[in-house]
């Protein structure tokens, strides 16, 4: 089993920045691929960003490319999502996800086996 705990969400004005963190436990972190997803009220949970076990491969949703950066620190068992130039449409609950390691940074929700409880990000206009 893998336990995931997100932190760093909050309220920010449009154009601002936030950094989300997700701490993992229960399995060797460096053997896991990690992903970030988000869910706005009344909508599906959508892919945001993913990183493979080594950090050598990443993927981003088109809507966040150039604004968000996913990274990981295997020594701290933590994955990060740096979010810049935030927009009101980025408002959502952000979820961290994990799956066993692979070379490809998977983007599909069904590819992930473990999920955190989510952290709210609210961007005001």
Protein backbone atom coordinates (compact mmCIF):
# COMPACT_ATOMS: atom_id res chain seq x y z
CA UNK A 1 0.00 0.00 0.00
CA UNK A 2 1.03 3.56 -0.64
CA UNK A 3 -0.17 6.49 1.41
CA UNK A 4 -0.21 9.94 -0.16
CA UNK A 5 -0.71 13.23 1.65
CA UNK A 6 -1.05 16.49 -0.29
CA UNK A 7 -0.39 19.95 1.10
CA UNK A 8 0.11 23.49 -0.11
CA UNK A 9 -3.32 24.33 -1.45
CA UNK A 10 -4.98 27.61 -0.68
CA UNK A 11 -6.50 30.81 -1.94
CA UNK A 12 -4.60 32.97 -4.43
CA UNK A 13 -5.38 35.80 -6.81
CA UNK A 14 -5.16 35.35 -10.56
CA UNK A 15 -1.57 35.61 -11.72
CA UNK A 16 -0.25 34.29 -8.45
CA UNK A 17 1.65 31.12 -7.62
CA UNK A 18 1.33 28.10 -5.36
CA UNK A 19 3.44 25.02 -4.79
CA UNK A 20 1.72 21.76 -3.95
CA UNK A 21 3.53 18.93 -2.23
CA UNK A 22 2.66 15.26 -1.95
CA UNK A 23 4.45 13.11 0.60
CA UNK A 24 4.44 9.36 -0.04
CA UNK A 25 4.96 6.47 2.35
CA UNK A 26 4.51 2.73 2.42
CA UNK A 27 6.66 1.88 -0.56
CA UNK A 28 10.05 2.88 -1.91
CA UNK A 29 9.29 6.23 -3.47
CA UNK A 30 11.90 5.92 -6.20
CA UNK A 31 10.01 2.92 -7.61
CA UNK A 32 6.83 4.94 -8.16
CA UNK A 33 5.53 7.05 -11.00
CA UNK A 34 3.63 10.07 -9.73
CA UNK A 35 0.85 12.21 -11.13
CA UNK A 36 -1.29 15.23 -10.34
CA UNK A 37 -4.96 15.42 -11.26
CA UNK A 38 -7.64 17.97 -10.49
CA UNK A 39 -11.39 18.02 -10.15
CA UNK A 40 -13.58 21.10 -10.33
CA UNK A 41 -17.14 21.02 -8.96
CA UNK A 42 -19.45 19.06 -11.24
CA UNK A 43 -16.62 17.97 -13.54
CA UNK A 44 -14.51 14.90 -14.13
CA UNK A 45 -11.13 14.41 -12.50
CA UNK A 46 -8.66 15.54 -15.14
CA UNK A 47 -4.98 14.94 -15.71
CA UNK A 48 -2.62 17.81 -14.88
CA UNK A 49 0.96 16.52 -14.83
CA UNK A 50 2.95 13.32 -14.41
CA UNK A 51 6.54 12.30 -13.78
CA UNK A 52 8.19 8.92 -14.07
CA UNK A 53 10.14 7.19 -11.32
CA UNK A 54 13.48 8.79 -12.18
CA UNK A 55 12.21 12.24 -13.02
CA UNK A 56 13.52 11.83 -16.55
CA UNK A 57 10.12 11.88 -18.22
CA UNK A 58 7.24 14.28 -17.65
CA UNK A 59 3.90 15.04 -19.27
CA UNK A 60 1.53 17.98 -18.91
CA UNK A 61 -2.03 18.79 -19.85
CA UNK A 62 -2.14 21.38 -22.62
CA UNK A 63 -3.99 23.75 -20.34
CA UNK A 64 -1.06 23.99 -17.90
CA UNK A 65 1.96 23.70 -20.17
CA UNK A 66 4.39 26.54 -19.60
CA UNK A 67 2.74 27.47 -16.28
CA UNK A 68 3.02 24.35 -14.12
CA UNK A 69 6.09 22.26 -13.34
CA UNK A 70 6.13 18.81 -11.77
CA UNK A 71 9.25 17.65 -9.97
CA UNK A 72 10.25 15.06 -7.40
CA UNK A 73 12.77 14.63 -4.62
CA UNK A 74 13.34 10.93 -4.10
CA UNK A 75 15.40 11.61 -0.97
CA UNK A 76 12.37 13.32 0.61
CA UNK A 77 9.73 10.94 -0.79
CA UNK A 78 7.92 13.96 -2.18
CA UNK A 79 6.53 15.13 -5.50
CA UNK A 80 5.83 18.79 -6.16
CA UNK A 81 3.61 20.81 -8.47
CA UNK A 82 4.81 24.37 -8.97
CA UNK A 83 1.91 26.43 -10.30
CA UNK A 84 2.53 29.88 -11.76
CA UNK A 85 0.35 32.42 -13.59
CA UNK A 86 -2.69 30.88 -12.00
CA UNK A 87 -6.09 31.45 -13.58
CA UNK A 88 -9.60 31.20 -12.12
CA UNK A 89 -10.14 28.10 -14.26
CA UNK A 90 -7.37 26.37 -12.30
CA UNK A 91 -9.68 26.31 -9.29
CA UNK A 92 -10.19 22.70 -8.25
CA UNK A 93 -9.32 20.03 -5.75
CA UNK A 94 -5.87 18.76 -6.67
CA UNK A 95 -5.08 15.08 -6.15
CA UNK A 96 -1.75 13.31 -6.04
CA UNK A 97 -1.60 9.80 -7.50
CA UNK A 98 0.94 6.99 -7.67
CA UNK A 99 1.55 3.79 -9.60
CA UNK A 100 4.42 1.36 -9.91
CA UNK A 101 7.36 2.74 -11.80
CA UNK A 102 7.58 2.83 -15.57
CA UNK A 103 9.60 4.75 -18.14
CA UNK A 104 6.53 6.58 -19.43
CA UNK A 105 4.82 9.25 -17.35
CA UNK A 106 1.24 8.03 -17.68
CA UNK A 107 -1.55 10.57 -18.11
CA UNK A 108 -4.64 8.41 -17.67
CA UNK A 109 -6.55 8.32 -14.41
CA UNK A 110 -6.98 4.55 -14.76
CA UNK A 111 -3.20 4.07 -14.83
CA UNK A 112 -2.87 5.07 -11.17
CA UNK A 113 -3.56 2.81 -8.21
CA UNK A 114 -3.12 5.08 -5.21
CA UNK A 115 -4.65 8.47 -4.49
CA UNK A 116 -4.34 11.17 -1.88
CA UNK A 117 -7.23 12.94 -0.21
CA UNK A 118 -6.84 16.12 -2.24
CA UNK A 119 -6.05 19.74 -1.51
CA UNK A 120 -8.19 22.70 -2.54
CA UNK A 121 -6.81 25.40 -4.81
CA UNK A 122 -8.96 28.48 -5.31
CA UNK A 123 -7.95 31.23 -7.73
CA UNK A 124 -9.90 34.48 -7.60
CA UNK A 125 -10.27 36.82 -10.55
